[in-house]
Structure formats: C-alpha cells, structure tokens
C-alpha cells in the first residue's frame, strides 16, 4: 500500500461521521481536534502557572498564598476559554446553549443552591484574597490553618492535626478572624491570682520580668501586666505578651505559665486558691468545746 493510499484511508477514517449535535455532524476529525484543544488548554495552563510562579519569584514575591491564588484564577480562566473553543469546534452555539439552559438553571438552582453559593463564595475569596493558604484563622470558634483553597470548599487543619473541610460560603457570610492578614503578631494572655498578704509591688515586678523575657512579637508591641480584679480569695493579675506565630499560641502560653510558676517559687509568692472562713456563733462554739472536752 502506497503513501497516497494510506493518506486516503486516513482521510476517510477521520472524515467518518459519528453523530450530530445541534445540526453539526461530528466526525472523528472533529473529536480529535476537540481532544487536542482540551489537552492544549491544560498544558498551556500549566506552563502559564509555572511562568507566573517564576516571574513572581524573580520580583521577590515569596508569598505562597498570593502565588497559589493567582495560579488558580489563571487556571480557571484558561479552562473557560479552552472549553469555549472546544464547544465552538463541535458547532455548539454557547449563546443559544445559555439561553436554553436558563430555564433549566432556574429549577436546578433551587436544588443546587448551596453548591452555587459555595462556588460564588470561592470566586470572591480568590479575588479578594482576604484569606489565603497559610493563614491562621478562627472560624466557628475553632482556630485552624488554611492548607489550600478550592472553588467550593477550603481545606484547613486544626491544632489537633485534623483536616477540616470548610464551605466557602461560611467564610464569606460569617465572622472570621484572620490572625495573619496584615502581620502575624498575636497576643497571648494568662491570669494568675496571689494571696491578699502578698507584696503587690514584688508581684508586679516579677510578672513584668517574666513578661519581658517572653515577649517576642514586633518591637512596637509591648508586654503588659494589669491588676484586673479583687477576687474572693485572691488579687488577680493579667499578663499579656506578643508572639510572631499564632499557630503556636498554646505552646507559648504553657511556657509563660511555667515561668510564672517558677518565678513565684523563687520569690516566695503564694498563688492563691479558693478558701472558706467559717465563723461560729458563741453558743455553738461553746457547745462544741464542751463536747470536745467531754470526749
């Protein structure tokens, strides 16, 4: 079989019509072109993301969250254009498809309300960048670290090492504390009560020394020692220090408490505990004394 016959056979094979979509005959060649367009779209997206990562690295942008968000938006944009070209290649009129699907979308929207809500919320989060991978946030009263952000949900990790799937709509519609939005400075607080007979000046000086040793935040954030209340059995002080990593706040709190304990032991300061004074009326006291003497 000569080259001409091979080419003719291949041409006939590629021209074989398989099915029809919207009045357009779909042949083997058409499907092949569509597949090539889709593959090219993914390849182009990967190359573009790699180029963006390198370009941002050359400019000194080391924020992994910013790079990840930029690449994700670029990827979605490439997919939108690529699949649009693929549909047009198959003869599908997207404007007509959108018009025909509008009625169906209304009914489907009620069934997929939560999914659509999370999708739109994901786009908002990726565009605003108020939350990015690597951030330490508090959502629903739990502190978690953002691992990666998807178009429907955000994957985070709790301090107990559990992976948490957070719907994007929850991050957009509820109050979220982002401890690393502008900087990573985080305040750690602890309270300690001393007995009323303690030398309060020595107590304050001791707590201030401990606080200064443990204050490792930004230079413009100072440690603070406050006498906060006169309790039933103690005079209560609050010690507040700053640190640079909110994720390790529990560890730093433990270290602070231990240092306060050993500093008080060294200075002879007694940490107060609940006490109850019992006062008896004289007749009751006399009766108890006589009973004790009789026994």
Protein backbone atom coordinates (compact mmCIF):
# COMPACT_ATOMS: atom_id res chain seq x y z
CA UNK A 1 0.00 0.00 0.00
CA UNK A 2 1.50 3.30 -1.09
CA UNK A 3 1.72 6.53 0.84
CA UNK A 4 -1.11 8.03 -1.20
CA UNK A 5 -3.44 5.14 -0.36
CA UNK A 6 -2.51 5.36 3.34
CA UNK A 7 -3.25 9.07 3.39
CA UNK A 8 -6.53 8.46 1.57
CA UNK A 9 -7.54 5.77 4.05
CA UNK A 10 -6.67 8.05 6.98
CA UNK A 11 -8.65 10.88 5.41
CA UNK A 12 -11.69 8.65 5.01
CA UNK A 13 -11.34 7.43 8.59
CA UNK A 14 -11.04 10.94 10.00
CA UNK A 15 -14.00 12.08 7.95
CA UNK A 16 -16.28 9.34 9.27
CA UNK A 17 -19.34 10.95 10.83
CA UNK A 18 -20.18 9.66 14.30
CA UNK A 19 -23.17 11.68 15.47
CA UNK A 20 -24.86 15.06 15.16
CA UNK A 21 -25.04 17.92 17.68
CA UNK A 22 -27.21 20.98 17.06
CA UNK A 23 -27.21 20.33 13.30
CA UNK A 24 -23.44 19.85 13.15
CA UNK A 25 -22.05 16.50 12.06
CA UNK A 26 -19.36 15.33 14.48
CA UNK A 27 -16.66 13.32 12.78
CA UNK A 28 -13.58 11.54 14.06
CA UNK A 29 -11.50 14.53 12.99
CA UNK A 30 -13.75 16.89 14.94
CA UNK A 31 -13.44 14.80 18.10
CA UNK A 32 -9.69 14.64 17.63
CA UNK A 33 -9.49 18.42 17.34
CA UNK A 34 -11.65 18.84 20.45
CA UNK A 35 -9.44 16.48 22.44
CA UNK A 36 -6.32 18.29 21.23
CA UNK A 37 -7.82 21.67 22.21
CA UNK A 38 -8.64 20.42 25.71
CA UNK A 39 -5.19 18.85 26.16
CA UNK A 40 -3.56 22.02 24.84
CA UNK A 41 -5.64 24.05 27.30
CA UNK A 42 -4.35 22.10 30.29
CA UNK A 43 -0.77 22.20 29.00
CA UNK A 44 -0.98 25.94 28.35
CA UNK A 45 -2.48 26.47 31.83
CA UNK A 46 0.37 24.53 33.46
CA UNK A 47 3.02 26.44 31.50
CA UNK A 48 1.38 29.78 32.32
CA UNK A 49 1.22 28.93 36.03
CA UNK A 50 4.88 27.93 36.01
CA UNK A 51 5.76 31.18 34.26
CA UNK A 52 3.79 33.24 36.77
CA UNK A 53 5.50 31.45 39.68
CA UNK A 54 8.94 32.13 38.23
CA UNK A 55 8.11 35.75 37.39
CA UNK A 56 6.83 36.45 40.89
CA UNK A 57 9.87 34.74 42.40
CA UNK A 58 12.20 36.94 40.34
CA UNK A 59 10.37 40.01 41.60
CA UNK A 60 10.79 38.89 45.19
CA UNK A 61 7.19 37.75 45.75
CA UNK A 62 7.60 34.86 48.17
CA UNK A 63 4.02 34.80 49.42
CA UNK A 64 2.90 31.27 48.54
CA UNK A 65 -0.72 32.24 49.17
CA UNK A 66 -0.59 35.02 46.57
CA UNK A 67 1.10 32.74 44.03
CA UNK A 68 -1.44 29.94 44.61
CA UNK A 69 -4.44 32.27 44.27
CA UNK A 70 -3.04 33.86 41.10
CA UNK A 71 -2.37 30.48 39.52
CA UNK A 72 -5.83 29.19 40.43
CA UNK A 73 -7.57 32.17 38.82
CA UNK A 74 -5.34 31.78 35.76
CA UNK A 75 -6.21 28.08 35.55
CA UNK A 76 -9.96 28.71 35.71
CA UNK A 77 -9.65 31.42 33.06
CA UNK A 78 -7.74 29.09 30.73
CA UNK A 79 -10.32 26.33 31.20
CA UNK A 80 -13.15 28.73 30.44
CA UNK A 81 -11.55 29.85 27.16
CA UNK A 82 -10.36 26.36 26.18
CA UNK A 83 -13.68 24.62 26.71
CA UNK A 84 -15.42 27.51 24.93
CA UNK A 85 -13.24 26.92 21.87
CA UNK A 86 -13.89 23.17 22.11
CA UNK A 87 -17.66 23.69 22.19
CA UNK A 88 -17.50 26.06 19.23
CA UNK A 89 -15.45 23.49 17.32
CA UNK A 90 -18.27 20.99 17.79
CA UNK A 91 -20.72 23.57 16.46
CA UNK A 92 -22.38 24.25 19.80
CA UNK A 93 -23.66 27.82 19.97
CA UNK A 94 -22.86 28.87 23.52
CA UNK A 95 -25.24 31.82 23.50
CA UNK A 96 -28.08 29.57 22.42
CA UNK A 97 -26.97 26.99 24.96
CA UNK A 98 -27.04 29.55 27.74
CA UNK A 99 -30.46 30.79 26.66
CA UNK A 100 -31.87 27.26 26.50
CA UNK A 101 -30.32 26.40 29.82
CA UNK A 102 -31.62 29.47 31.60
CA UNK A 103 -35.00 27.89 32.35
CA UNK A 104 -33.38 24.66 33.41
CA UNK A 105 -30.88 26.60 35.53
CA UNK A 106 -33.69 28.25 37.50
CA UNK A 107 -35.08 24.90 38.58
CA UNK A 108 -31.66 23.41 39.09
CA UNK A 109 -30.60 26.46 41.08
CA UNK A 110 -33.05 25.65 43.85
CA UNK A 111 -31.68 22.13 44.11
CA UNK A 112 -28.06 23.26 43.94
CA UNK A 113 -28.37 26.45 45.94
CA UNK A 114 -25.66 25.53 48.44
CA UNK A 115 -23.24 24.40 45.74
CA UNK A 116 -23.78 27.58 43.73
CA UNK A 117 -23.41 29.64 46.90
CA UNK A 118 -20.10 27.99 47.74
CA UNK A 119 -18.91 28.39 44.13
CA UNK A 120 -19.60 32.13 44.08
CA UNK A 121 -18.08 32.48 47.55
CA UNK A 122 -14.95 30.70 46.30
CA UNK A 123 -14.61 33.20 43.45
CA UNK A 124 -14.99 36.08 45.93
CA UNK A 125 -12.34 34.64 48.25
CA UNK A 126 -9.90 34.08 45.40
CA UNK A 127 -10.46 37.61 44.10
CA UNK A 128 -10.34 39.48 47.42
CA UNK A 129 -7.51 37.40 48.93
CA UNK A 130 -8.73 38.21 52.46
CA UNK A 131 -7.93 34.57 53.24
CA UNK A 132 -5.01 32.77 51.57
CA UNK A 133 -3.24 29.41 52.05
CA UNK A 134 -1.02 29.52 55.11
CA UNK A 135 -3.26 31.92 57.06
CA UNK A 136 -4.25 31.14 60.64
CA UNK A 137 -7.94 31.90 61.10
CA UNK A 138 -10.71 31.38 63.63
CA UNK A 139 -13.99 30.13 62.21
CA UNK A 140 -16.92 28.86 64.27
CA UNK A 141 -14.82 29.28 67.41
CA UNK A 142 -12.02 26.96 66.20
CA UNK A 143 -8.54 28.09 65.20
CA UNK A 144 -7.31 26.40 62.00
CA UNK A 145 -4.54 26.88 59.43
CA UNK A 146 -5.59 27.15 55.77
CA UNK A 147 -3.91 24.49 53.64
CA UNK A 148 -5.50 25.04 50.24
CA UNK A 149 -8.49 26.83 48.78
CA UNK A 150 -10.83 25.25 46.28
CA UNK A 151 -13.66 26.68 44.27
CA UNK A 152 -16.25 25.01 46.55
CA UNK A 153 -14.55 24.49 49.90
CA UNK A 154 -11.39 25.38 51.79
CA UNK A 155 -9.22 22.71 53.37
CA UNK A 156 -7.77 23.63 56.76
CA UNK A 157 -6.01 21.85 59.61
CA UNK A 158 -6.91 22.15 63.27
CA UNK A 159 -4.41 22.32 66.13
CA UNK A 160 -5.23 18.67 66.85
CA UNK A 161 -3.99 17.67 63.38
CA UNK A 162 -7.47 17.12 61.94
CA UNK A 163 -8.22 18.16 58.36
CA UNK A 164 -11.33 20.36 58.26
CA UNK A 165 -13.40 20.99 55.12
CA UNK A 166 -14.90 24.48 55.42
CA UNK A 167 -17.58 25.54 52.89
CA UNK A 168 -16.55 28.78 51.21
CA UNK A 169 -19.93 30.33 51.93
CA UNK A 170 -19.22 30.03 55.65
CA UNK A 171 -16.00 32.02 55.24
CA UNK A 172 -17.80 34.75 53.28
CA UNK A 173 -21.02 35.07 55.26
CA UNK A 174 -19.85 34.57 58.85
CA UNK A 175 -17.40 36.46 61.02
CA UNK A 176 -13.88 35.12 60.54
CA UNK A 177 -10.80 36.22 62.46
CA UNK A 178 -7.64 36.19 60.34
CA UNK A 179 -4.65 36.35 62.67
CA UNK A 180 -2.14 36.68 59.81
CA UNK A 181 -3.92 39.07 57.44
CA UNK A 182 -1.61 42.08 57.87
CA UNK A 183 1.00 40.63 60.23
CA UNK A 184 1.48 37.56 62.40
CA UNK A 185 1.66 39.40 65.74
CA UNK A 186 -0.57 37.59 68.24
CA UNK A 187 -1.29 38.39 71.89
CA UNK A 188 -1.16 35.63 74.50
CA UNK A 189 -2.90 36.26 77.82
CA UNK A 190 -2.89 34.43 81.13
CA UNK A 191 -4.26 35.22 84.60
CA UNK A 192 -2.76 34.41 87.98
CA UNK A 193 -4.09 35.18 91.46
CA UNK A 194 -1.97 35.86 94.56
CA UNK A 195 -2.98 35.97 98.22
CA UNK A 196 -4.02 39.26 99.79
CA UNK A 197 -1.00 39.16 102.08
CA UNK A 198 1.46 39.26 99.16
CA UNK A 199 3.71 42.24 98.45
CA UNK A 200 1.94 43.56 95.36
CA UNK A 201 4.96 45.57 94.25
CA UNK A 202 7.13 42.45 94.21
CA UNK A 203 4.35 40.54 92.42
CA UNK A 204 4.14 43.19 89.68
CA UNK A 205 7.92 43.39 89.25
CA UNK A 206 8.18 39.60 89.00
CA UNK A 207 5.40 39.37 86.41
CA UNK A 208 6.90 42.22 84.37
CA UNK A 209 10.28 40.47 84.30
CA UNK A 210 8.69 37.23 83.10
CA UNK A 211 6.58 39.05 80.52
CA UNK A 212 9.56 40.92 79.06
CA UNK A 213 11.58 37.71 78.72
CA UNK A 214 8.76 36.02 76.83
CA UNK A 215 7.67 38.95 74.67
CA UNK A 216 8.89 38.04 71.17
CA UNK A 217 6.47 39.98 68.96
CA UNK A 218 7.12 43.07 66.88
CA UNK A 219 9.20 45.80 68.54
CA UNK A 220 6.28 48.23 68.77
CA UNK A 221 4.17 45.73 70.73
CA UNK A 222 4.94 45.81 74.44
CA UNK A 223 4.19 43.25 77.13
CA UNK A 224 1.57 44.27 79.67
CA UNK A 225 0.82 43.43 83.30
CA UNK A 226 -2.52 44.51 84.78
CA UNK A 227 -4.18 44.06 88.16
CA UNK A 228 -7.62 43.10 86.90
CA UNK A 229 -9.75 42.30 89.96
CA UNK A 230 -10.04 41.73 93.67
CA UNK A 231 -11.40 38.21 93.92
CA UNK A 232 -12.93 36.38 96.85
CA UNK A 233 -9.68 34.64 97.70
CA UNK A 234 -7.08 36.38 95.55
CA UNK A 235 -5.84 39.51 93.86
CA UNK A 236 -5.86 38.66 90.15
CA UNK A 237 -3.27 39.84 87.61
CA UNK A 238 -3.35 39.52 83.82
CA UNK A 239 -0.12 39.03 81.89
CA UNK A 240 -0.19 39.73 78.13
CA UNK A 241 2.72 39.11 75.77
CA UNK A 242 3.17 39.13 71.99
CA UNK A 243 4.44 36.39 69.70
CA UNK A 244 5.07 36.03 65.96
CA UNK A 245 3.29 32.73 65.26
CA UNK A 246 -0.39 32.42 66.28
CA UNK A 247 -0.31 28.71 65.45
CA UNK A 248 1.99 28.06 68.46
CA UNK A 249 -0.02 30.14 70.92
CA UNK A 250 -0.86 27.18 73.19
CA UNK A 251 2.82 26.23 73.47
CA UNK A 252 3.82 29.79 74.31
CA UNK A 253 1.01 30.03 76.88
CA UNK A 254 2.29 26.88 78.58
CA UNK A 255 5.83 28.29 78.66
CA UNK A 256 4.58 31.56 80.12
CA UNK A 257 2.62 29.81 82.87
CA UNK A 258 5.62 27.65 83.80
CA UNK A 259 7.93 30.65 84.03
CA UNK A 260 5.44 32.48 86.25
CA UNK A 261 5.22 29.42 88.49
CA UNK A 262 8.99 29.11 88.95
CA UNK A 263 9.47 32.87 89.35
CA UNK A 264 6.85 32.91 92.13
CA UNK A 265 8.52 29.92 93.78
CA UNK A 266 11.85 31.74 93.74
CA UNK A 267 10.39 34.94 95.23
CA UNK A 268 8.22 33.12 97.77
CA UNK A 269 4.98 34.45 96.27
CA UNK A 270 1.96 32.27 97.04
CA UNK A 271 -0.53 31.57 94.26
CA UNK A 272 -3.96 31.85 95.82
CA UNK A 273 -6.57 29.11 95.81
CA UNK A 274 -10.22 29.21 96.95
CA UNK A 275 -10.59 29.36 100.74
CA UNK A 276 -13.60 29.39 103.03
CA UNK A 277 -13.58 31.00 106.50
CA UNK A 278 -16.14 29.53 108.93
CA UNK A 279 -17.36 31.74 111.80
CA UNK A 280 -19.48 30.15 114.58
CA UNK A 281 -21.83 31.88 116.98
CA UNK A 282 -20.58 31.86 120.63
CA UNK A 283 -23.26 29.38 121.88
CA UNK A 284 -22.43 26.95 119.09
CA UNK A 285 -18.71 27.38 119.69
CA UNK A 286 -19.18 26.78 123.45
CA UNK A 287 -21.21 23.62 122.84
CA UNK A 288 -18.58 22.23 120.50
CA UNK A 289 -15.84 22.99 123.02
CA UNK A 290 -17.70 21.17 125.81
CA UNK A 291 -18.31 18.20 123.57
CA UNK A 292 -14.62 18.08 122.74
CA UNK A 293 -13.62 18.25 126.39
CA UNK A 294 -16.14 15.54 127.34
CA UNK A 295 -14.76 13.18 124.74
